[in-house]
Amino acid sequence: MVIIGQETSFDESEVFELYDSVGWGPWTRDIARVCRALVNSHLVLAARDESGRLLGLARTVSDGEMVCYVQELLVDKGVQGQGIGRRLLEDLMERYAHCRYFLLTTDHESTREGAANHAFYRRLGLIEHHEQELSAFGRRVEGS
């Protein structure tokens, strides 16, 4: 059984273990910073098993009215494919259904992880910006 709930405090070791399981090196290099970011987020949902083990999380940056940005959605590599990510994202989509913009950033579909990510988000009804005649811009990410 997987329990999804809102969390406001975070244990660095278990956050490190989760982020490390999916290979998010830029995050695991400074896990204290990641935990501060989680605390300062609009909402963090965690998925845990019956024993309390952290299986996944989703966090948002939002004004709570017009815009919801899903900053992170990740599920431990060992339990991916069990519907945990789907449950987390569906919960967020329901909570932020009133927002005009509900968006996230993921790897380009030409990358190793990107094709699966794009398929996952499309199955949940999300579409790319350009399909809505919108564009997204950002500063270049170091190391890209």
N, C-alpha and C. Protein backbone atom coordinates (compact mmCIF):
# COMPACT_ATOMS: atom_id res chain seq x y z
N MET A 1 0.84 -1.18 0.00
CA MET A 1 0.00 0.00 0.00
C MET A 1 0.89 1.25 0.00
N VAL A 2 0.51 2.23 -0.80
CA VAL A 2 1.24 3.49 -0.89
C VAL A 2 0.36 4.59 -0.31
N ILE A 3 0.95 5.38 0.58
CA ILE A 3 0.23 6.49 1.22
C ILE A 3 0.80 7.79 0.68
N ILE A 4 -0.09 8.66 0.17
CA ILE A 4 0.31 9.96 -0.36
C ILE A 4 -0.16 11.02 0.62
N GLY A 5 0.75 11.91 0.99
CA GLY A 5 0.38 12.98 1.90
C GLY A 5 1.29 14.18 1.76
N GLN A 6 0.79 15.30 2.25
CA GLN A 6 1.56 16.54 2.23
C GLN A 6 2.61 16.49 3.33
N GLU A 7 3.82 17.00 3.03
CA GLU A 7 4.88 17.04 4.03
C GLU A 7 5.52 18.42 4.04
N THR A 8 6.03 18.79 5.21
CA THR A 8 6.64 20.12 5.37
C THR A 8 8.03 20.07 5.98
N SER A 9 8.48 18.90 6.42
CA SER A 9 9.84 18.77 6.93
C SER A 9 10.46 17.54 6.28
N PHE A 10 11.80 17.57 6.14
CA PHE A 10 12.45 16.57 5.31
C PHE A 10 13.76 16.10 5.92
N ASP A 11 13.99 14.80 5.86
CA ASP A 11 15.21 14.18 6.35
C ASP A 11 16.21 14.11 5.20
N GLU A 12 17.37 14.72 5.40
CA GLU A 12 18.36 14.79 4.33
C GLU A 12 18.76 13.43 3.80
N SER A 13 18.92 12.45 4.66
CA SER A 13 19.38 11.14 4.20
C SER A 13 18.35 10.45 3.31
N GLU A 14 17.07 10.54 3.67
CA GLU A 14 16.08 9.87 2.83
C GLU A 14 15.83 10.65 1.54
N VAL A 15 15.94 11.97 1.60
CA VAL A 15 15.81 12.77 0.37
C VAL A 15 16.98 12.44 -0.56
N PHE A 16 18.19 12.36 0.01
CA PHE A 16 19.36 12.00 -0.79
C PHE A 16 19.14 10.64 -1.46
N GLU A 17 18.69 9.66 -0.70
CA GLU A 17 18.49 8.31 -1.23
C GLU A 17 17.51 8.32 -2.41
N LEU A 18 16.42 9.08 -2.29
CA LEU A 18 15.43 9.15 -3.37
C LEU A 18 16.03 9.80 -4.62
N TYR A 19 16.64 10.97 -4.46
CA TYR A 19 17.20 11.69 -5.60
C TYR A 19 18.35 10.91 -6.23
N ASP A 20 19.15 10.26 -5.40
CA ASP A 20 20.26 9.46 -5.90
C ASP A 20 19.76 8.27 -6.71
N SER A 21 18.64 7.68 -6.31
CA SER A 21 18.10 6.50 -7.00
C SER A 21 17.74 6.80 -8.45
N VAL A 22 17.43 8.06 -8.75
CA VAL A 22 17.07 8.43 -10.13
C VAL A 22 18.21 9.15 -10.84
N GLY A 23 19.36 9.24 -10.19
CA GLY A 23 20.54 9.81 -10.84
C GLY A 23 20.53 11.32 -10.97
N TRP A 24 19.88 12.02 -10.03
CA TRP A 24 19.82 13.47 -10.10
C TRP A 24 21.02 14.08 -9.38
N GLY A 25 22.20 13.92 -9.99
CA GLY A 25 23.45 14.39 -9.41
C GLY A 25 23.49 15.85 -9.01
N PRO A 26 22.99 16.76 -9.84
CA PRO A 26 23.02 18.18 -9.43
C PRO A 26 22.25 18.44 -8.12
N TRP A 27 21.26 17.63 -7.83
CA TRP A 27 20.50 17.79 -6.59
C TRP A 27 21.25 17.15 -5.42
N THR A 28 21.83 15.98 -5.64
CA THR A 28 22.47 15.27 -4.52
C THR A 28 23.79 15.89 -4.11
N ARG A 29 24.35 16.76 -4.93
CA ARG A 29 25.60 17.42 -4.54
C ARG A 29 25.41 18.36 -3.35
N ASP A 30 24.21 18.87 -3.15
CA ASP A 30 23.94 19.76 -2.03
C ASP A 30 22.54 19.46 -1.50
N ILE A 31 22.42 18.36 -0.79
CA ILE A 31 21.11 17.89 -0.34
C ILE A 31 20.48 18.83 0.69
N ALA A 32 21.30 19.55 1.46
CA ALA A 32 20.74 20.53 2.40
C ALA A 32 19.99 21.62 1.64
N ARG A 33 20.54 22.02 0.52
CA ARG A 33 19.89 23.03 -0.32
C ARG A 33 18.57 22.50 -0.88
N VAL A 34 18.57 21.24 -1.30
CA VAL A 34 17.34 20.61 -1.80
C VAL A 34 16.28 20.61 -0.70
N CYS A 35 16.66 20.25 0.50
CA CYS A 35 15.70 20.23 1.61
C CYS A 35 15.17 21.62 1.91
N ARG A 36 16.02 22.64 1.83
CA ARG A 36 15.53 24.02 2.02
C ARG A 36 14.54 24.38 0.91
N ALA A 37 14.83 23.95 -0.31
CA ALA A 37 13.91 24.21 -1.43
C ALA A 37 12.57 23.52 -1.20
N LEU A 38 12.62 22.30 -0.70
CA LEU A 38 11.37 21.58 -0.41
C LEU A 38 10.55 22.32 0.64
N VAL A 39 11.22 22.77 1.70
CA VAL A 39 10.52 23.51 2.77
C VAL A 39 9.88 24.78 2.23
N ASN A 40 10.54 25.44 1.28
CA ASN A 40 10.05 26.71 0.74
C ASN A 40 9.10 26.55 -0.44
N SER A 41 8.73 25.34 -0.77
CA SER A 41 7.82 25.09 -1.88
C SER A 41 6.38 25.39 -1.48
N HIS A 42 5.54 25.57 -2.47
CA HIS A 42 4.11 25.80 -2.21
C HIS A 42 3.48 24.54 -1.63
N LEU A 43 3.85 23.38 -2.20
CA LEU A 43 3.29 22.11 -1.75
C LEU A 43 4.28 21.00 -2.07
N VAL A 44 4.44 20.08 -1.13
CA VAL A 44 5.22 18.87 -1.38
C VAL A 44 4.35 17.69 -0.99
N LEU A 45 4.15 16.79 -1.94
CA LEU A 45 3.45 15.54 -1.67
C LEU A 45 4.48 14.43 -1.66
N ALA A 46 4.39 13.56 -0.67
CA ALA A 46 5.29 12.42 -0.58
C ALA A 46 4.48 11.14 -0.68
N ALA A 47 5.09 10.16 -1.33
CA ALA A 47 4.52 8.81 -1.39
C ALA A 47 5.38 7.93 -0.50
N ARG A 48 4.74 7.24 0.43
CA ARG A 48 5.46 6.37 1.37
C ARG A 48 4.79 5.01 1.42
N ASP A 49 5.59 3.99 1.71
CA ASP A 49 5.00 2.67 1.92
C ASP A 49 4.52 2.55 3.37
N GLU A 50 3.98 1.38 3.73
CA GLU A 50 3.42 1.19 5.08
C GLU A 50 4.45 1.37 6.17
N SER A 51 5.72 1.11 5.86
CA SER A 51 6.77 1.26 6.87
C SER A 51 7.29 2.70 6.97
N GLY A 52 6.80 3.58 6.09
CA GLY A 52 7.22 4.97 6.12
C GLY A 52 8.36 5.30 5.16
N ARG A 53 8.81 4.32 4.39
CA ARG A 53 9.90 4.56 3.43
C ARG A 53 9.44 5.51 2.33
N LEU A 54 10.26 6.52 2.05
CA LEU A 54 9.96 7.49 1.00
C LEU A 54 10.13 6.84 -0.36
N LEU A 55 9.04 6.79 -1.14
CA LEU A 55 9.06 6.16 -2.46
C LEU A 55 9.09 7.18 -3.58
N GLY A 56 8.56 8.36 -3.33
CA GLY A 56 8.50 9.39 -4.37
C GLY A 56 8.00 10.68 -3.80
N LEU A 57 8.17 11.74 -4.59
CA LEU A 57 7.63 13.03 -4.17
C LEU A 57 7.37 13.92 -5.37
N ALA A 58 6.51 14.87 -5.13
CA ALA A 58 6.19 15.90 -6.12
C ALA A 58 6.14 17.22 -5.38
N ARG A 59 6.72 18.25 -6.00
CA ARG A 59 6.68 19.56 -5.35
C ARG A 59 6.30 20.62 -6.35
N THR A 60 5.61 21.65 -5.85
CA THR A 60 5.15 22.73 -6.71
C THR A 60 5.69 24.08 -6.24
N VAL A 61 5.81 24.95 -7.21
CA VAL A 61 6.08 26.36 -7.00
C VAL A 61 4.86 27.04 -7.61
N SER A 62 4.13 27.80 -6.81
CA SER A 62 2.85 28.30 -7.28
C SER A 62 2.43 29.56 -6.53
N ASP A 63 1.55 30.32 -7.16
CA ASP A 63 0.91 31.42 -6.45
C ASP A 63 -0.43 30.95 -5.86
N GLY A 64 -0.79 29.70 -6.18
CA GLY A 64 -2.01 29.13 -5.64
C GLY A 64 -3.28 29.59 -6.32
N GLU A 65 -3.16 30.43 -7.31
CA GLU A 65 -4.34 30.98 -7.99
C GLU A 65 -4.31 30.81 -9.50
N MET A 66 -3.24 31.29 -10.12
CA MET A 66 -3.18 31.31 -11.59
C MET A 66 -2.15 30.35 -12.18
N VAL A 67 -1.06 30.12 -11.44
CA VAL A 67 0.06 29.36 -11.99
C VAL A 67 0.50 28.28 -11.01
N CYS A 68 0.68 27.08 -11.54
CA CYS A 68 1.28 25.99 -10.77
C CYS A 68 2.39 25.41 -11.62
N TYR A 69 3.59 25.44 -11.09
CA TYR A 69 4.73 24.84 -11.75
C TYR A 69 5.14 23.61 -10.95
N VAL A 70 5.10 22.47 -11.58
CA VAL A 70 5.55 21.24 -10.93
C VAL A 70 7.07 21.21 -11.07
N GLN A 71 7.73 21.54 -10.00
CA GLN A 71 9.18 21.63 -10.02
C GLN A 71 9.83 20.25 -10.06
N GLU A 72 9.29 19.32 -9.33
CA GLU A 72 9.85 17.98 -9.31
C GLU A 72 8.76 16.94 -9.18
N LEU A 73 8.95 15.86 -9.87
CA LEU A 73 8.15 14.66 -9.73
C LEU A 73 9.13 13.50 -9.90
N LEU A 74 9.37 12.77 -8.83
CA LEU A 74 10.30 11.66 -8.96
C LEU A 74 9.87 10.49 -8.09
N VAL A 75 10.16 9.31 -8.59
CA VAL A 75 9.82 8.06 -7.91
C VAL A 75 11.08 7.21 -7.89
N ASP A 76 11.36 6.63 -6.74
CA ASP A 76 12.52 5.75 -6.58
C ASP A 76 12.58 4.76 -7.74
N LYS A 77 13.77 4.65 -8.32
CA LYS A 77 13.97 3.79 -9.49
C LYS A 77 13.48 2.37 -9.23
N GLY A 78 13.62 1.89 -8.01
CA GLY A 78 13.22 0.52 -7.69
C GLY A 78 11.73 0.25 -7.66
N VAL A 79 10.91 1.31 -7.62
CA VAL A 79 9.46 1.11 -7.57
C VAL A 79 8.74 1.84 -8.70
N GLN A 80 9.49 2.28 -9.71
CA GLN A 80 8.85 2.92 -10.85
C GLN A 80 7.98 1.90 -11.60
N GLY A 81 6.95 2.41 -12.26
CA GLY A 81 6.06 1.53 -13.01
C GLY A 81 4.92 0.96 -12.19
N GLN A 82 4.77 1.41 -10.95
CA GLN A 82 3.72 0.90 -10.08
C GLN A 82 2.58 1.90 -9.88
N GLY A 83 2.60 3.00 -10.63
CA GLY A 83 1.52 3.99 -10.55
C GLY A 83 1.74 5.07 -9.51
N ILE A 84 2.89 5.10 -8.88
CA ILE A 84 3.14 6.09 -7.83
C ILE A 84 3.25 7.50 -8.44
N GLY A 85 4.01 7.64 -9.49
CA GLY A 85 4.14 8.94 -10.16
C GLY A 85 2.80 9.42 -10.69
N ARG A 86 2.03 8.51 -11.24
CA ARG A 86 0.69 8.85 -11.75
C ARG A 86 -0.17 9.39 -10.61
N ARG A 87 -0.16 8.71 -9.49
CA ARG A 87 -0.98 9.15 -8.35
C ARG A 87 -0.55 10.53 -7.86
N LEU A 88 0.76 10.74 -7.76
CA LEU A 88 1.26 12.05 -7.32
C LEU A 88 0.83 13.15 -8.28
N LEU A 89 1.02 12.92 -9.58
CA LEU A 89 0.68 13.95 -10.55
C LEU A 89 -0.83 14.18 -10.64
N GLU A 90 -1.61 13.12 -10.58
CA GLU A 90 -3.06 13.29 -10.61
C GLU A 90 -3.54 14.08 -9.40
N ASP A 91 -2.95 13.84 -8.26
CA ASP A 91 -3.30 14.59 -7.05
C ASP A 91 -3.01 16.07 -7.28
N LEU A 92 -1.82 16.38 -7.82
CA LEU A 92 -1.48 17.78 -8.09
C LEU A 92 -2.44 18.40 -9.10
N MET A 93 -2.76 17.67 -10.16
CA MET A 93 -3.65 18.21 -11.19
C MET A 93 -5.03 18.52 -10.60
N GLU A 94 -5.48 17.71 -9.67
CA GLU A 94 -6.76 17.96 -9.01
C GLU A 94 -6.67 19.18 -8.09
N ARG A 95 -5.62 19.24 -7.28
CA ARG A 95 -5.45 20.35 -6.34
C ARG A 95 -5.32 21.70 -7.05
N TYR A 96 -4.70 21.69 -8.23
CA TYR A 96 -4.44 22.93 -8.96
C TYR A 96 -5.31 23.06 -10.20
N ALA A 97 -6.43 22.38 -10.25
CA ALA A 97 -7.31 22.42 -11.42
C ALA A 97 -7.80 23.84 -11.71
N HIS A 98 -7.89 24.67 -10.70
CA HIS A 98 -8.37 26.04 -10.85
C HIS A 98 -7.32 26.98 -11.47
N CYS A 99 -6.07 26.55 -11.53
CA CYS A 99 -5.01 27.40 -12.08
C CYS A 99 -5.05 27.41 -13.60
N ARG A 100 -4.87 28.57 -14.17
CA ARG A 100 -4.85 28.70 -15.64
C ARG A 100 -3.67 27.94 -16.23
N TYR A 101 -2.50 28.07 -15.60
CA TYR A 101 -1.30 27.40 -16.10
C TYR A 101 -0.84 26.33 -15.13
N PHE A 102 -0.74 25.12 -15.62
CA PHE A 102 -0.22 23.98 -14.88
C PHE A 102 0.88 23.42 -15.77
N LEU A 103 2.12 23.60 -15.35
CA LEU A 103 3.21 23.23 -16.24
C LEU A 103 4.38 22.62 -15.52
N LEU A 104 5.25 22.02 -16.31
CA LEU A 104 6.46 21.40 -15.79
C LEU A 104 7.49 21.35 -16.90
N THR A 105 8.71 21.05 -16.52
CA THR A 105 9.80 20.90 -17.46
C THR A 105 10.34 19.48 -17.31
N THR A 106 10.66 18.86 -18.44
CA THR A 106 11.26 17.54 -18.42
C THR A 106 12.31 17.45 -19.51
N ASP A 107 13.04 16.35 -19.52
CA ASP A 107 14.06 16.14 -20.53
C ASP A 107 13.44 16.13 -21.93
N HIS A 108 14.21 16.58 -22.91
CA HIS A 108 13.76 16.53 -24.30
C HIS A 108 13.54 15.08 -24.69
N GLU A 109 12.56 14.84 -25.56
CA GLU A 109 12.24 13.46 -25.90
C GLU A 109 13.35 12.72 -26.64
N SER A 110 14.37 13.43 -27.11
CA SER A 110 15.49 12.78 -27.79
C SER A 110 16.52 12.23 -26.80
N THR A 111 16.38 12.56 -25.51
CA THR A 111 17.34 12.09 -24.51
C THR A 111 16.95 10.70 -24.01
N ARG A 112 17.86 10.11 -23.26
CA ARG A 112 17.67 8.75 -22.76
C ARG A 112 16.36 8.62 -21.96
N GLU A 113 16.12 9.55 -21.05
CA GLU A 113 14.93 9.49 -20.20
C GLU A 113 13.72 10.18 -20.83
N GLY A 114 13.99 11.06 -21.79
CA GLY A 114 12.95 11.93 -22.32
C GLY A 114 11.78 11.23 -22.97
N ALA A 115 12.04 10.22 -23.79
CA ALA A 115 10.95 9.55 -24.51
C ALA A 115 9.93 8.97 -23.53
N ALA A 116 10.41 8.31 -22.49
CA ALA A 116 9.50 7.74 -21.50
C ALA A 116 8.77 8.83 -20.74
N ASN A 117 9.48 9.91 -20.39
CA ASN A 117 8.84 11.02 -19.67
C ASN A 117 7.72 11.63 -20.50
N HIS A 118 8.00 11.89 -21.78
CA HIS A 118 6.99 12.49 -22.65
C HIS A 118 5.77 11.59 -22.76
N ALA A 119 5.99 10.29 -22.95
CA ALA A 119 4.87 9.35 -23.05
C ALA A 119 4.04 9.35 -21.76
N PHE A 120 4.72 9.37 -20.62
CA PHE A 120 4.04 9.39 -19.32
C PHE A 120 3.15 10.62 -19.19
N TYR A 121 3.70 11.80 -19.47
CA TYR A 121 2.94 13.03 -19.31
C TYR A 121 1.79 13.11 -20.31
N ARG A 122 2.00 12.64 -21.51
CA ARG A 122 0.91 12.62 -22.50
C ARG A 122 -0.22 11.69 -22.07
N ARG A 123 0.13 10.54 -21.50
CA ARG A 123 -0.92 9.62 -21.02
C ARG A 123 -1.81 10.28 -19.96
N LEU A 124 -1.23 11.25 -19.25
CA LEU A 124 -2.00 11.95 -18.22
C LEU A 124 -2.68 13.22 -18.75
N GLY A 125 -2.61 13.42 -20.06
CA GLY A 125 -3.34 14.53 -20.69
C GLY A 125 -2.57 15.83 -20.83
N LEU A 126 -1.30 15.83 -20.48
CA LEU A 126 -0.50 17.06 -20.63
C LEU A 126 0.02 17.15 -22.06
N ILE A 127 0.17 18.37 -22.54
CA ILE A 127 0.68 18.61 -23.89
C ILE A 127 1.80 19.64 -23.83
N GLU A 128 2.62 19.65 -24.86
CA GLU A 128 3.73 20.60 -24.91
C GLU A 128 3.23 22.01 -25.20
N HIS A 129 4.02 22.97 -24.75
CA HIS A 129 3.64 24.39 -24.93
C HIS A 129 3.32 24.72 -26.38
N HIS A 130 4.17 24.30 -27.29
CA HIS A 130 3.99 24.69 -28.69
C HIS A 130 2.67 24.18 -29.26
N GLU A 131 2.12 23.13 -28.67
CA GLU A 131 0.84 22.60 -29.13
C GLU A 131 -0.32 23.51 -28.71
N GLN A 132 -0.05 24.47 -27.84
CA GLN A 132 -1.05 25.45 -27.41
C GLN A 132 -0.70 26.84 -27.92
N GLU A 133 0.24 26.89 -28.89
CA GLU A 133 0.75 28.14 -29.43
C GLU A 133 1.36 29.00 -28.34
N LEU A 134 2.08 28.33 -27.42
CA LEU A 134 2.81 28.98 -26.35
C LEU A 134 4.29 28.59 -26.45
N SER A 135 5.14 29.37 -25.85
CA SER A 135 6.56 29.04 -25.76
C SER A 135 7.00 29.21 -24.32
N ALA A 136 8.04 28.52 -23.96
CA ALA A 136 8.64 28.67 -22.64
C ALA A 136 10.11 29.05 -22.86
N PHE A 137 10.61 29.91 -22.01
CA PHE A 137 11.99 30.35 -22.10
C PHE A 137 12.65 30.20 -20.74
N GLY A 138 13.95 30.02 -20.77
CA GLY A 138 14.68 29.91 -19.53
C GLY A 138 16.15 30.19 -19.77
N ARG A 139 16.83 30.46 -18.70
CA ARG A 139 18.27 30.64 -18.77
C ARG A 139 18.92 29.30 -19.04
N ARG A 140 20.01 29.30 -19.77
CA ARG A 140 20.71 28.06 -20.09
C ARG A 140 21.17 27.38 -18.79
N VAL A 141 20.94 26.08 -18.69
CA VAL A 141 21.34 25.30 -17.54
C VAL A 141 22.81 24.94 -17.70
N GLU A 142 23.60 25.21 -16.67
CA GLU A 142 25.03 24.86 -16.72
C GLU A 142 25.19 23.37 -16.93
N GLY A 143 26.15 23.01 -17.77
CA GLY A 143 26.43 21.61 -18.03
C GLY A 143 25.58 21.03 -19.16
N SER A 144 24.74 21.84 -19.78
CA SER A 144 23.91 21.34 -20.89
C SER A 144 24.62 21.50 -22.20
